[in-house]
Amino acid sequence: MAVRPKRIEIKKAEGHLTIAWDDGFRCRYPLDGLRAACPCASCVGGHEHMGKPGSPDMLEIPLVDNRASRLVDAEIVGNYALQLTWMDGHKFGIYRWEYLRQLCPDPQPIEAEDPAG
């Protein structure tokens, strides 16, 4: 059974997106890392490279343009993905739930969350 998000929280000023997954884990993703790991054909080098498994190592690719990693908007696509729009105008990456879960740099049990936020 595929894991799905229970809650998605974006903190633009702090530079991260957090997903609480229905498998009981929480993942915090750096926004610049998500931009670097964009799964669209342009970013991964063509259609033949799309759909490859994600790895937390992908979140560490440095970006040249600072605007590229500033998030403008996020929309849920159907019931399977998240589409992110970046300040540089890029909005072509569809981040499937499975892909985001694979990218998770350090899964933490949801019980470990600080109730104060």
PDB file of N, CA and C in Angstrom:
ATOM      1  N   MET A   1       0.837  -1.182   0.000  1.00  0.00           N
ATOM      2  CA  MET A   1       0.000   0.000   0.000  1.00  0.00           C
ATOM      3  C   MET A   1       0.884   1.249   0.000  1.00  0.00           C
ATOM      4  N   ALA A   2       0.559   2.190  -0.850  1.00  0.00           N
ATOM      5  CA  ALA A   2       1.351   3.411  -0.970  1.00  0.00           C
ATOM      6  C   ALA A   2       1.082   4.344   0.209  1.00  0.00           C
ATOM      7  N   VAL A   3       2.127   4.983   0.653  1.00  0.00           N
ATOM      8  CA  VAL A   3       2.024   5.941   1.746  1.00  0.00           C
ATOM      9  C   VAL A   3       1.515   7.277   1.185  1.00  0.00           C
ATOM     10  N   ARG A   4       0.669   7.945   1.980  1.00  0.00           N
ATOM     11  CA  ARG A   4       0.078   9.217   1.567  1.00  0.00           C
ATOM     12  C   ARG A   4       0.255  10.247   2.683  1.00  0.00           C
ATOM     13  N   PRO A   5       0.266  11.525   2.335  1.00  0.00           N
ATOM     14  CA  PRO A   5       0.397  12.555   3.373  1.00  0.00           C
ATOM     15  C   PRO A   5      -0.896  12.742   4.159  1.00  0.00           C
ATOM     16  N   LYS A   6      -0.738  12.983   5.457  1.00  0.00           N
ATOM     17  CA  LYS A   6      -1.866  13.346   6.317  1.00  0.00           C
ATOM     18  C   LYS A   6      -1.953  14.860   6.432  1.00  0.00           C
ATOM     19  N   ARG A   7      -0.778  15.510   6.426  1.00  0.00           N
ATOM     20  CA  ARG A   7      -0.706  16.967   6.577  1.00  0.00           C
ATOM     21  C   ARG A   7       0.538  17.477   5.861  1.00  0.00           C
ATOM     22  N   ILE A   8       0.388  18.594   5.177  1.00  0.00           N
ATOM     23  CA  ILE A   8       1.516  19.252   4.502  1.00  0.00           C
ATOM     24  C   ILE A   8       1.597  20.672   5.044  1.00  0.00           C
ATOM     25  N   GLU A   9       2.788  21.055   5.490  1.00  0.00           N
ATOM     26  CA  GLU A   9       2.991  22.396   6.037  1.00  0.00           C
ATOM     27  C   GLU A   9       4.199  23.018   5.345  1.00  0.00           C
ATOM     28  N   ILE A  10       4.009  24.238   4.844  1.00  0.00           N
ATOM     29  CA  ILE A  10       5.093  24.949   4.169  1.00  0.00           C
ATOM     30  C   ILE A  10       5.440  26.184   4.982  1.00  0.00           C
ATOM     31  N   LYS A  11       6.721  26.329   5.287  1.00  0.00           N
ATOM     32  CA  LYS A  11       7.213  27.525   5.980  1.00  0.00           C
ATOM     33  C   LYS A  11       8.246  28.177   5.056  1.00  0.00           C
ATOM     34  N   LYS A  12       7.744  29.069   4.209  1.00  0.00           N
ATOM     35  CA  LYS A  12       8.611  29.721   3.222  1.00  0.00           C
ATOM     36  C   LYS A  12       9.747  30.492   3.870  1.00  0.00           C
ATOM     37  N   ALA A  13       9.452  31.252   4.922  1.00  0.00           N
ATOM     38  CA  ALA A  13      10.476  32.069   5.576  1.00  0.00           C
ATOM     39  C   ALA A  13      11.588  31.210   6.167  1.00  0.00           C
ATOM     40  N   GLU A  14      11.233  30.017   6.642  1.00  0.00           N
ATOM     41  CA  GLU A  14      12.233  29.119   7.222  1.00  0.00           C
ATOM     42  C   GLU A  14      12.857  28.207   6.180  1.00  0.00           C
ATOM     43  N   GLY A  15      12.263  28.177   4.975  1.00  0.00           N
ATOM     44  CA  GLY A  15      12.860  27.426   3.874  1.00  0.00           C
ATOM     45  C   GLY A  15      12.637  25.924   3.907  1.00  0.00           C
ATOM     46  N   HIS A  16      11.476  25.487   4.413  1.00  0.00           N
ATOM     47  CA  HIS A  16      11.232  24.042   4.383  1.00  0.00           C
ATOM     48  C   HIS A  16       9.756  23.709   4.246  1.00  0.00           C
ATOM     49  N   LEU A  17       9.516  22.484   3.791  1.00  0.00           N
ATOM     50  CA  LEU A  17       8.197  21.903   3.661  1.00  0.00           C
ATOM     51  C   LEU A  17       8.186  20.650   4.530  1.00  0.00           C
ATOM     52  N   THR A  18       7.142  20.462   5.317  1.00  0.00           N
ATOM     53  CA  THR A  18       7.056  19.295   6.191  1.00  0.00           C
ATOM     54  C   THR A  18       5.818  18.489   5.824  1.00  0.00           C
ATOM     55  N   ILE A  19       5.994  17.187   5.723  1.00  0.00           N
ATOM     56  CA  ILE A  19       4.876  16.285   5.445  1.00  0.00           C
ATOM     57  C   ILE A  19       4.770  15.277   6.581  1.00  0.00           C
ATOM     58  N   ALA A  20       3.567  15.172   7.153  1.00  0.00           N
ATOM     59  CA  ALA A  20       3.254  14.108   8.105  1.00  0.00           C
ATOM     60  C   ALA A  20       2.605  13.003   7.278  1.00  0.00           C
ATOM     61  N   TRP A  21       3.247  11.835   7.236  1.00  0.00           N
ATOM     62  CA  TRP A  21       2.790  10.721   6.406  1.00  0.00           C
ATOM     63  C   TRP A  21       1.870   9.800   7.192  1.00  0.00           C
ATOM     64  N   ASP A  22       1.000   9.094   6.478  1.00  0.00           N
ATOM     65  CA  ASP A  22       0.062   8.189   7.145  1.00  0.00           C
ATOM     66  C   ASP A  22       0.713   6.905   7.655  1.00  0.00           C
ATOM     67  N   ASP A  23       2.017   6.742   7.427  1.00  0.00           N
ATOM     68  CA  ASP A  23       2.728   5.584   7.990  1.00  0.00           C
ATOM     69  C   ASP A  23       3.321   5.909   9.365  1.00  0.00           C
ATOM     70  N   GLY A  24       3.002   7.127   9.891  1.00  0.00           N
ATOM     71  CA  GLY A  24       3.451   7.495  11.227  1.00  0.00           C
ATOM     72  C   GLY A  24       4.754   8.254  11.276  1.00  0.00           C
ATOM     73  N   PHE A  25       5.270   8.680  10.116  1.00  0.00           N
ATOM     74  CA  PHE A  25       6.520   9.434  10.079  1.00  0.00           C
ATOM     75  C   PHE A  25       6.303  10.824   9.527  1.00  0.00           C
ATOM     76  N   ARG A  26       7.208  11.715   9.889  1.00  0.00           N
ATOM     77  CA  ARG A  26       7.217  13.107   9.439  1.00  0.00           C
ATOM     78  C   ARG A  26       8.541  13.357   8.735  1.00  0.00           C
ATOM     79  N   CYS A  27       8.475  14.091   7.631  1.00  0.00           N
ATOM     80  CA  CYS A  27       9.690  14.427   6.881  1.00  0.00           C
ATOM     81  C   CYS A  27       9.740  15.930   6.648  1.00  0.00           C
ATOM     82  N   ARG A  28      10.911  16.502   6.864  1.00  0.00           N
ATOM     83  CA  ARG A  28      11.126  17.925   6.606  1.00  0.00           C
ATOM     84  C   ARG A  28      12.072  18.033   5.415  1.00  0.00           C
ATOM     85  N   TYR A  29      11.623  18.744   4.379  1.00  0.00           N
ATOM     86  CA  TYR A  29      12.373  18.886   3.141  1.00  0.00           C
ATOM     87  C   TYR A  29      12.843  20.329   2.978  1.00  0.00           C
ATOM     88  N   PRO A  30      14.116  20.553   2.708  1.00  0.00           N
ATOM     89  CA  PRO A  30      14.563  21.916   2.414  1.00  0.00           C
ATOM     90  C   PRO A  30      14.001  22.334   1.053  1.00  0.00           C
ATOM     91  N   LEU A  31      13.466  23.549   0.955  1.00  0.00           N
ATOM     92  CA  LEU A  31      12.875  23.999  -0.309  1.00  0.00           C
ATOM     93  C   LEU A  31      13.898  24.020  -1.437  1.00  0.00           C
ATOM     94  N   ASP A  32      15.113  24.489  -1.148  1.00  0.00           N
ATOM     95  CA  ASP A  32      16.122  24.505  -2.212  1.00  0.00           C
ATOM     96  C   ASP A  32      16.465  23.085  -2.659  1.00  0.00           C
ATOM     97  N   GLY A  33      16.397  22.146  -1.738  1.00  0.00           N
ATOM     98  CA  GLY A  33      16.637  20.756  -2.095  1.00  0.00           C
ATOM     99  C   GLY A  33      15.531  20.191  -2.973  1.00  0.00           C
ATOM    100  N   LEU A  34      14.278  20.546  -2.665  1.00  0.00           N
ATOM    101  CA  LEU A  34      13.169  20.087  -3.504  1.00  0.00           C
ATOM    102  C   LEU A  34      13.280  20.650  -4.911  1.00  0.00           C
ATOM    103  N   ARG A  35      13.701  21.899  -5.007  1.00  0.00           N
ATOM    104  CA  ARG A  35      13.881  22.493  -6.351  1.00  0.00           C
ATOM    105  C   ARG A  35      14.990  21.762  -7.097  1.00  0.00           C
ATOM    106  N   ALA A  36      16.065  21.426  -6.396  1.00  0.00           N
ATOM    107  CA  ALA A  36      17.178  20.705  -7.030  1.00  0.00           C
ATOM    108  C   ALA A  36      16.770  19.300  -7.449  1.00  0.00           C
ATOM    109  N   ALA A  37      15.803  18.707  -6.749  1.00  0.00           N
ATOM    110  CA  ALA A  37      15.356  17.345  -7.046  1.00  0.00           C
ATOM    111  C   ALA A  37      14.100  17.338  -7.924  1.00  0.00           C
ATOM    112  N   CYS A  38      13.831  18.440  -8.610  1.00  0.00           N
ATOM    113  CA  CYS A  38      12.643  18.534  -9.463  1.00  0.00           C
ATOM    114  C   CYS A  38      12.613  17.354 -10.438  1.00  0.00           C
ATOM    115  N   PRO A  39      11.478  16.637 -10.496  1.00  0.00           N
ATOM    116  CA  PRO A  39      11.400  15.448 -11.337  1.00  0.00           C
ATOM    117  C   PRO A  39      10.961  15.694 -12.780  1.00  0.00           C
ATOM    118  N   CYS A  40      10.843  16.931 -13.225  1.00  0.00           N
ATOM    119  CA  CYS A  40      10.377  17.174 -14.597  1.00  0.00           C
ATOM    120  C   CYS A  40      11.451  16.790 -15.621  1.00  0.00           C
ATOM    121  N   ALA A  41      11.028  16.629 -16.866  1.00  0.00           N
ATOM    122  CA  ALA A  41      11.937  16.185 -17.936  1.00  0.00           C
ATOM    123  C   ALA A  41      13.101  17.151 -18.131  1.00  0.00           C
ATOM    124  N   SER A  42      12.852  18.449 -18.040  1.00  0.00           N
ATOM    125  CA  SER A  42      13.930  19.427 -18.226  1.00  0.00           C
ATOM    126  C   SER A  42      15.002  19.300 -17.151  1.00  0.00           C
ATOM    127  N   CYS A  43      14.571  19.104 -15.914  1.00  0.00           N
ATOM    128  CA  CYS A  43      15.518  19.069 -14.800  1.00  0.00           C
ATOM    129  C   CYS A  43      16.275  17.748 -14.687  1.00  0.00           C
ATOM    130  N   VAL A  44      15.649  16.645 -15.086  1.00  0.00           N
ATOM    131  CA  VAL A  44      16.329  15.346 -14.957  1.00  0.00           C
ATOM    132  C   VAL A  44      17.056  14.932 -16.224  1.00  0.00           C
ATOM    133  N   GLY A  45      16.971  15.754 -17.274  1.00  0.00           N
ATOM    134  CA  GLY A  45      17.738  15.475 -18.479  1.00  0.00           C
ATOM    135  C   GLY A  45      16.999  14.676 -19.537  1.00  0.00           C
ATOM    136  N   GLY A  46      15.708  14.839 -19.637  1.00  0.00           N
ATOM    137  CA  GLY A  46      14.938  14.183 -20.682  1.00  0.00           C
ATOM    138  C   GLY A  46      13.941  13.179 -20.147  1.00  0.00           C
ATOM    139  N   HIS A  47      12.990  12.846 -20.995  1.00  0.00           N
ATOM    140  CA  HIS A  47      11.909  11.940 -20.595  1.00  0.00           C
ATOM    141  C   HIS A  47      12.403  10.558 -20.180  1.00  0.00           C
ATOM    142  N   GLU A  48      13.491  10.090 -20.762  1.00  0.00           N
ATOM    143  CA  GLU A  48      13.986   8.750 -20.423  1.00  0.00           C
ATOM    144  C   GLU A  48      14.470   8.662 -18.976  1.00  0.00           C
ATOM    145  N   HIS A  49      14.721   9.803 -18.330  1.00  0.00           N
ATOM    146  CA  HIS A  49      15.190   9.800 -16.939  1.00  0.00           C
ATOM    147  C   HIS A  49      14.077  10.073 -15.935  1.00  0.00           C
ATOM    148  N   MET A  50      12.883  10.373 -16.434  1.00  0.00           N
ATOM    149  CA  MET A  50      11.766  10.650 -15.530  1.00  0.00           C
ATOM    150  C   MET A  50      11.322   9.366 -14.848  1.00  0.00           C
ATOM    151  N   GLY A  51      10.805   9.491 -13.637  1.00  0.00           N
ATOM    152  CA  GLY A  51      10.296   8.349 -12.906  1.00  0.00           C
ATOM    153  C   GLY A  51      11.344   7.550 -12.166  1.00  0.00           C
ATOM    154  N   LYS A  52      12.594   8.021 -12.192  1.00  0.00           N
ATOM    155  CA  LYS A  52      13.627   7.294 -11.447  1.00  0.00           C
ATOM    156  C   LYS A  52      13.402   7.476  -9.954  1.00  0.00           C
ATOM    157  N   PRO A  53      13.831   6.515  -9.155  1.00  0.00           N
ATOM    158  CA  PRO A  53      13.624   6.637  -7.704  1.00  0.00           C
ATOM    159  C   PRO A  53      14.351   7.846  -7.131  1.00  0.00           C
ATOM    160  N   GLY A  54      13.752   8.436  -6.125  1.00  0.00           N
ATOM    161  CA  GLY A  54      14.375   9.566  -5.447  1.00  0.00           C
ATOM    162  C   GLY A  54      15.353   9.090  -4.392  1.00  0.00           C
ATOM    163  N   SER A  55      16.246   9.965  -4.021  1.00  0.00           N
ATOM    164  CA  SER A  55      17.217   9.691  -2.975  1.00  0.00           C
ATOM    165  C   SER A  55      17.451  10.987  -2.211  1.00  0.00           C
ATOM    166  N   PRO A  56      17.588  10.932  -0.888  1.00  0.00           N
ATOM    167  CA  PRO A  56      17.861  12.158  -0.136  1.00  0.00           C
ATOM    168  C   PRO A  56      19.106  12.901  -0.624  1.00  0.00           C
ATOM    169  N   ASP A  57      20.036  12.199  -1.257  1.00  0.00           N
ATOM    170  CA  ASP A  57      21.234  12.852  -1.803  1.00  0.00           C
ATOM    171  C   ASP A  57      20.871  13.895  -2.857  1.00  0.00           C
ATOM    172  N   MET A  58      19.732  13.724  -3.517  1.00  0.00           N
ATOM    173  CA  MET A  58      19.309  14.666  -4.556  1.00  0.00           C
ATOM    174  C   MET A  58      18.993  16.036  -3.971  1.00  0.00           C
ATOM    175  N   LEU A  59      18.693  16.106  -2.687  1.00  0.00           N
ATOM    176  CA  LEU A  59      18.343  17.371  -2.044  1.00  0.00           C
ATOM    177  C   LEU A  59      19.547  18.271  -1.829  1.00  0.00           C
ATOM    178  N   GLU A  60      20.738  17.771  -2.087  1.00  0.00           N
ATOM    179  CA  GLU A  60      21.951  18.527  -1.798  1.00  0.00           C
ATOM    180  C   GLU A  60      22.616  19.135  -3.026  1.00  0.00           C
ATOM    181  N   ILE A  61      21.961  19.095  -4.176  1.00  0.00           N
ATOM    182  CA  ILE A  61      22.525  19.666  -5.399  1.00  0.00           C
ATOM    183  C   ILE A  61      22.438  21.185  -5.302  1.00  0.00           C
ATOM    184  N   PRO A  62      23.570  21.907  -5.398  1.00  0.00           N
ATOM    185  CA  PRO A  62      23.518  23.369  -5.274  1.00  0.00           C
ATOM    186  C   PRO A  62      22.870  24.029  -6.492  1.00  0.00           C
ATOM    187  N   LEU A  63      22.153  25.110  -6.251  1.00  0.00           N
ATOM    188  CA  LEU A  63      21.528  25.867  -7.332  1.00  0.00           C
ATOM    189  C   LEU A  63      22.270  27.181  -7.521  1.00  0.00           C
ATOM    190  N   VAL A  64      22.345  27.626  -8.775  1.00  0.00           N
ATOM    191  CA  VAL A  64      23.043  28.865  -9.082  1.00  0.00           C
ATOM    192  C   VAL A  64      22.143  30.077  -8.835  1.00  0.00           C
ATOM    193  N   ASP A  65      20.887  30.005  -9.257  1.00  0.00           N
ATOM    194  CA  ASP A  65      19.951  31.121  -9.165  1.00  0.00           C
ATOM    195  C   ASP A  65      19.179  31.051  -7.852  1.00  0.00           C
ATOM    196  N   ASN A  66      19.340  32.030  -6.981  1.00  0.00           N
ATOM    197  CA  ASN A  66      18.662  32.068  -5.688  1.00  0.00           C
ATOM    198  C   ASN A  66      17.147  32.059  -5.842  1.00  0.00           C
ATOM    199  N   ARG A  67      16.616  32.713  -6.883  1.00  0.00           N
ATOM    200  CA  ARG A  67      15.168  32.755  -7.100  1.00  0.00           C
ATOM    201  C   ARG A  67      14.609  31.374  -7.396  1.00  0.00           C
ATOM    202  N   ALA A  68      15.445  30.499  -7.924  1.00  0.00           N
ATOM    203  CA  ALA A  68      14.987  29.162  -8.293  1.00  0.00           C
ATOM    204  C   ALA A  68      14.499  28.371  -7.087  1.00  0.00           C
ATOM    205  N   SER A  69      15.024  28.664  -5.912  1.00  0.00           N
ATOM    206  CA  SER A  69      14.640  27.883  -4.737  1.00  0.00           C
ATOM    207  C   SER A  69      13.625  28.598  -3.840  1.00  0.00           C
ATOM    208  N   ARG A  70      13.066  29.700  -4.313  1.00  0.00           N
ATOM    209  CA  ARG A  70      12.038  30.394  -3.539  1.00  0.00           C
ATOM    210  C   ARG A  70      10.664  29.930  -4.004  1.00  0.00           C
ATOM    211  N   LEU A  71       9.937  29.315  -3.112  1.00  0.00           N
ATOM    212  CA  LEU A  71       8.629  28.762  -3.432  1.00  0.00           C
ATOM    213  C   LEU A  71       7.568  29.854  -3.485  1.00  0.00           C
ATOM    214  N   VAL A  72       6.749  29.819  -4.534  1.00  0.00           N
ATOM    215  CA  VAL A  72       5.664  30.773  -4.699  1.00  0.00           C
ATOM    216  C   VAL A  72       4.332  30.124  -4.336  1.00  0.00           C
ATOM    217  N   ASP A  73       4.135  28.870  -4.783  1.00  0.00           N
ATOM    218  CA  ASP A  73       2.849  28.219  -4.583  1.00  0.00           C
ATOM    219  C   ASP A  73       3.019  26.703  -4.580  1.00  0.00           C
ATOM    220  N   ALA A  74       2.054  26.019  -3.995  1.00  0.00           N
ATOM    221  CA  ALA A  74       2.017  24.558  -3.991  1.00  0.00           C
ATOM    222  C   ALA A  74       0.569  24.126  -4.159  1.00  0.00           C
ATOM    223  N   GLU A  75       0.343  23.160  -5.027  1.00  0.00           N
ATOM    224  CA  GLU A  75      -1.004  22.652  -5.265  1.00  0.00           C
ATOM    225  C   GLU A  75      -0.983  21.132  -5.279  1.00  0.00           C
ATOM    226  N   ILE A  76      -1.998  20.544  -4.694  1.00  0.00           N
ATOM    227  CA  ILE A  76      -2.131  19.090  -4.760  1.00  0.00           C
ATOM    228  C   ILE A  76      -2.673  18.735  -6.135  1.00  0.00           C
ATOM    229  N   VAL A  77      -2.074  17.727  -6.754  1.00  0.00           N
ATOM    230  CA  VAL A  77      -2.487  17.255  -8.070  1.00  0.00           C
ATOM    231  C   VAL A  77      -3.240  15.944  -7.868  1.00  0.00           C
ATOM    232  N   GLY A  78      -4.515  15.950  -8.184  1.00  0.00           N
ATOM    233  CA  GLY A  78      -5.331  14.759  -7.979  1.00  0.00           C
ATOM    234  C   GLY A  78      -5.202  14.283  -6.543  1.00  0.00           C
ATOM    235  N   ASN A  79      -4.988  12.988  -6.371  1.00  0.00           N
ATOM    236  CA  ASN A  79      -4.736  12.451  -5.031  1.00  0.00           C
ATOM    237  C   ASN A  79      -3.408  11.707  -5.006  1.00  0.00           C
ATOM    238  N   TYR A  80      -2.474  12.159  -5.877  1.00  0.00           N
ATOM    239  CA  TYR A  80      -1.224  11.423  -6.001  1.00  0.00           C
ATOM    240  C   TYR A  80       0.047  12.259  -5.966  1.00  0.00           C
ATOM    241  N   ALA A  81      -0.040  13.600  -5.948  1.00  0.00           N
ATOM    242  CA  ALA A  81       1.187  14.385  -6.089  1.00  0.00           C
ATOM    243  C   ALA A  81       1.008  15.828  -5.626  1.00  0.00           C
ATOM    244  N   LEU A  82       2.138  16.513  -5.610  1.00  0.00           N
ATOM    245  CA  LEU A  82       2.222  17.929  -5.264  1.00  0.00           C
ATOM    246  C   LEU A  82       2.948  18.638  -6.406  1.00  0.00           C
ATOM    247  N   GLN A  83       2.392  19.762  -6.856  1.00  0.00           N
ATOM    248  CA  GLN A  83       3.047  20.571  -7.881  1.00  0.00           C
ATOM    249  C   GLN A  83       3.517  21.859  -7.225  1.00  0.00           C
ATOM    250  N   LEU A  84       4.807  22.150  -7.370  1.00  0.00           N
ATOM    251  CA  LEU A  84       5.403  23.330  -6.760  1.00  0.00           C
ATOM    252  C   LEU A  84       5.709  24.367  -7.832  1.00  0.00           C
ATOM    253  N   THR A  85       5.441  25.626  -7.527  1.00  0.00           N
ATOM    254  CA  THR A  85       5.756  26.731  -8.432  1.00  0.00           C
ATOM    255  C   THR A  85       6.826  27.578  -7.763  1.00  0.00           C
ATOM    256  N   TRP A  86       7.894  27.853  -8.507  1.00  0.00           N
ATOM    257  CA  TRP A  86       9.055  28.564  -7.975  1.00  0.00           C
ATOM    258  C   TRP A  86       9.115  29.981  -8.510  1.00  0.00           C
ATOM    259  N   MET A  87       9.798  30.861  -7.806  1.00  0.00           N
ATOM    260  CA  MET A  87       9.876  32.268  -8.164  1.00  0.00           C
ATOM    261  C   MET A  87      10.480  32.505  -9.552  1.00  0.00           C
ATOM    262  N   ASP A  88      11.328  31.594 -10.015  1.00  0.00           N
ATOM    263  CA  ASP A  88      11.915  31.764 -11.345  1.00  0.00           C
ATOM    264  C   ASP A  88      10.945  31.363 -12.455  1.00  0.00           C
ATOM    265  N   GLY A  89       9.696  31.004 -12.078  1.00  0.00           N
ATOM    266  CA  GLY A  89       8.677  30.643 -13.055  1.00  0.00           C
ATOM    267  C   GLY A  89       8.554  29.149 -13.310  1.00  0.00           C
ATOM    268  N   HIS A  90       9.462  28.367 -12.792  1.00  0.00           N
ATOM    269  CA  HIS A  90       9.425  26.922 -13.021  1.00  0.00           C
ATOM    270  C   HIS A  90       8.278  26.296 -12.233  1.00  0.00           C
ATOM    271  N   LYS A  91       7.443  25.498 -12.932  1.00  0.00           N
ATOM    272  CA  LYS A  91       6.308  24.852 -12.272  1.00  0.00           C
ATOM    273  C   LYS A  91       5.941  23.540 -12.949  1.00  0.00           C
ATOM    274  N   PHE A  92       6.924  22.865 -13.500  1.00  0.00           N
ATOM    275  CA  PHE A  92       6.645  21.687 -14.303  1.00  0.00           C
ATOM    276  C   PHE A  92       6.864  20.372 -13.574  1.00  0.00           C
ATOM    277  N   GLY A  93       7.445  20.408 -12.390  1.00  0.00           N
ATOM    278  CA  GLY A  93       7.688  19.184 -11.640  1.00  0.00           C
ATOM    279  C   GLY A  93       6.448  18.732 -10.886  1.00  0.00           C
ATOM    280  N   ILE A  94       6.069  17.487 -11.096  1.00  0.00           N
ATOM    281  CA  ILE A  94       4.977  16.875 -10.347  1.00  0.00           C
ATOM    282  C   ILE A  94       5.645  15.902  -9.377  1.00  0.00           C
ATOM    283  N   TYR A  95       5.616  16.238  -8.102  1.00  0.00           N
ATOM    284  CA  TYR A  95       6.282  15.444  -7.069  1.00  0.00           C
ATOM    285  C   TYR A  95       5.291  14.408  -6.536  1.00  0.00           C
ATOM    286  N   ARG A  96       5.347  13.194  -7.065  1.00  0.00           N
ATOM    287  CA  ARG A  96       4.448  12.125  -6.626  1.00  0.00           C
ATOM    288  C   ARG A  96       4.729  11.793  -5.159  1.00  0.00           C
ATOM    289  N   TRP A  97       3.684  11.335  -4.459  1.00  0.00           N
ATOM    290  CA  TRP A  97       3.857  11.005  -3.038  1.00  0.00           C
ATOM    291  C   TRP A  97       4.991  10.016  -2.828  1.00  0.00           C
ATOM    292  N   GLU A  98       5.070   8.990  -3.672  1.00  0.00           N
ATOM    293  CA  GLU A  98       6.123   7.982  -3.524  1.00  0.00           C
ATOM    294  C   GLU A  98       7.510   8.606  -3.670  1.00  0.00           C
ATOM    295  N   TYR A  99       7.628   9.522  -4.621  1.00  0.00           N
ATOM    296  CA  TYR A  99       8.903  10.207  -4.863  1.00  0.00           C
ATOM    297  C   TYR A  99       9.291  11.045  -3.640  1.00  0.00           C
ATOM    298  N   LEU A 100       8.350  11.809  -3.120  1.00  0.00           N
ATOM    299  CA  LEU A 100       8.638  12.639  -1.939  1.00  0.00           C
ATOM    300  C   LEU A 100       9.030  11.778  -0.745  1.00  0.00           C
ATOM    301  N   ARG A 101       8.348  10.651  -0.568  1.00  0.00           N
ATOM    302  CA  ARG A 101       8.681   9.787   0.572  1.00  0.00           C
ATOM    303  C   ARG A 101      10.090   9.223   0.428  1.00  0.00           C
ATOM    304  N   GLN A 102      10.493   8.882  -0.808  1.00  0.00           N
ATOM    305  CA  GLN A 102      11.846   8.380  -1.053  1.00  0.00           C
ATOM    306  C   GLN A 102      12.894   9.464  -0.811  1.00  0.00           C
ATOM    307  N   LEU A 103      12.545  10.710  -1.077  1.00  0.00           N
ATOM    308  CA  LEU A 103      13.480  11.826  -0.879  1.00  0.00           C
ATOM    309  C   LEU A 103      13.687  12.171   0.596  1.00  0.00           C
ATOM    310  N   CYS A 104      12.835  11.695   1.459  1.00  0.00           N
ATOM    311  CA  CYS A 104      12.854  12.091   2.871  1.00  0.00           C
ATOM    312  C   CYS A 104      14.259  11.976   3.459  1.00  0.00           C
ATOM    313  N   PRO A 105      14.849  13.111   3.889  1.00  0.00           N
ATOM    314  CA  PRO A 105      16.222  13.090   4.392  1.00  0.00           C
ATOM    315  C   PRO A 105      16.385  12.456   5.774  1.00  0.00           C
ATOM    316  N   ASP A 106      15.363  12.552   6.632  1.00  0.00           N
ATOM    317  CA  ASP A 106      15.509  12.039   7.994  1.00  0.00           C
ATOM    318  C   ASP A 106      14.123  11.802   8.592  1.00  0.00           C
ATOM    319  N   PRO A 107      13.471  10.664   8.257  1.00  0.00           N
ATOM    320  CA  PRO A 107      12.123  10.430   8.780  1.00  0.00           C
ATOM    321  C   PRO A 107      12.107  10.400  10.307  1.00  0.00           C
ATOM    322  N   GLN A 108      11.160  11.127  10.883  1.00  0.00           N
ATOM    323  CA  GLN A 108      11.003  11.177  12.336  1.00  0.00           C
ATOM    324  C   GLN A 108       9.614  10.657  12.704  1.00  0.00           C
ATOM    325  N   PRO A 109       9.504   9.873  13.779  1.00  0.00           N
ATOM    326  CA  PRO A 109       8.172   9.442  14.203  1.00  0.00           C
ATOM    327  C   PRO A 109       7.304  10.654  14.525  1.00  0.00           C
ATOM    328  N   ILE A 110       6.047  10.611  14.113  1.00  0.00           N
ATOM    329  CA  ILE A 110       5.146  11.734  14.368  1.00  0.00           C
ATOM    330  C   ILE A 110       5.001  11.977  15.860  1.00  0.00           C
ATOM    331  N   GLU A 111       5.064  10.922  16.694  1.00  0.00           N
ATOM    332  CA  GLU A 111       4.955  11.094  18.142  1.00  0.00           C
ATOM    333  C   GLU A 111       6.049  12.003  18.682  1.00  0.00           C
ATOM    334  N   ALA A 112       7.166  12.104  17.965  1.00  0.00           N
ATOM    335  CA  ALA A 112       8.293  12.909  18.428  1.00  0.00           C
ATOM    336  C   ALA A 112       8.103  14.388  18.158  1.00  0.00           C
ATOM    337  N   GLU A 113       6.995  14.764  17.485  1.00  0.00           N
ATOM    338  CA  GLU A 113       6.770  16.179  17.197  1.00  0.00           C
ATOM    339  C   GLU A 113       6.553  16.966  18.485  1.00  0.00           C
ATOM    340  N   ASP A 114       7.068  18.154  18.497  1.00  0.00           N
ATOM    341  CA  ASP A 114       6.866  19.064  19.630  1.00  0.00           C
ATOM    342  C   ASP A 114       5.453  19.642  19.523  1.00  0.00           C
ATOM    343  N   PRO A 115       4.578  19.423  20.519  1.00  0.00           N
ATOM    344  CA  PRO A 115       3.209  19.936  20.440  1.00  0.00           C
ATOM    345  C   PRO A 115       3.146  21.450  20.304  1.00  0.00           C
ATOM    346  N   ALA A 116       4.190  22.153  20.714  1.00  0.00           N
ATOM    347  CA  ALA A 116       4.210  23.609  20.597  1.00  0.00           C
ATOM    348  C   ALA A 116       4.524  24.047  19.178  1.00  0.00           C
ATOM    349  N   GLY A 117       4.885  23.106  18.307  1.00  0.00           N
ATOM    350  CA  GLY A 117       5.155  23.441  16.919  1.00  0.00           C
ATOM    351  C   GLY A 117       6.596  23.508  16.671  1.00  0.00           C
TER     352      GLY A 117
END
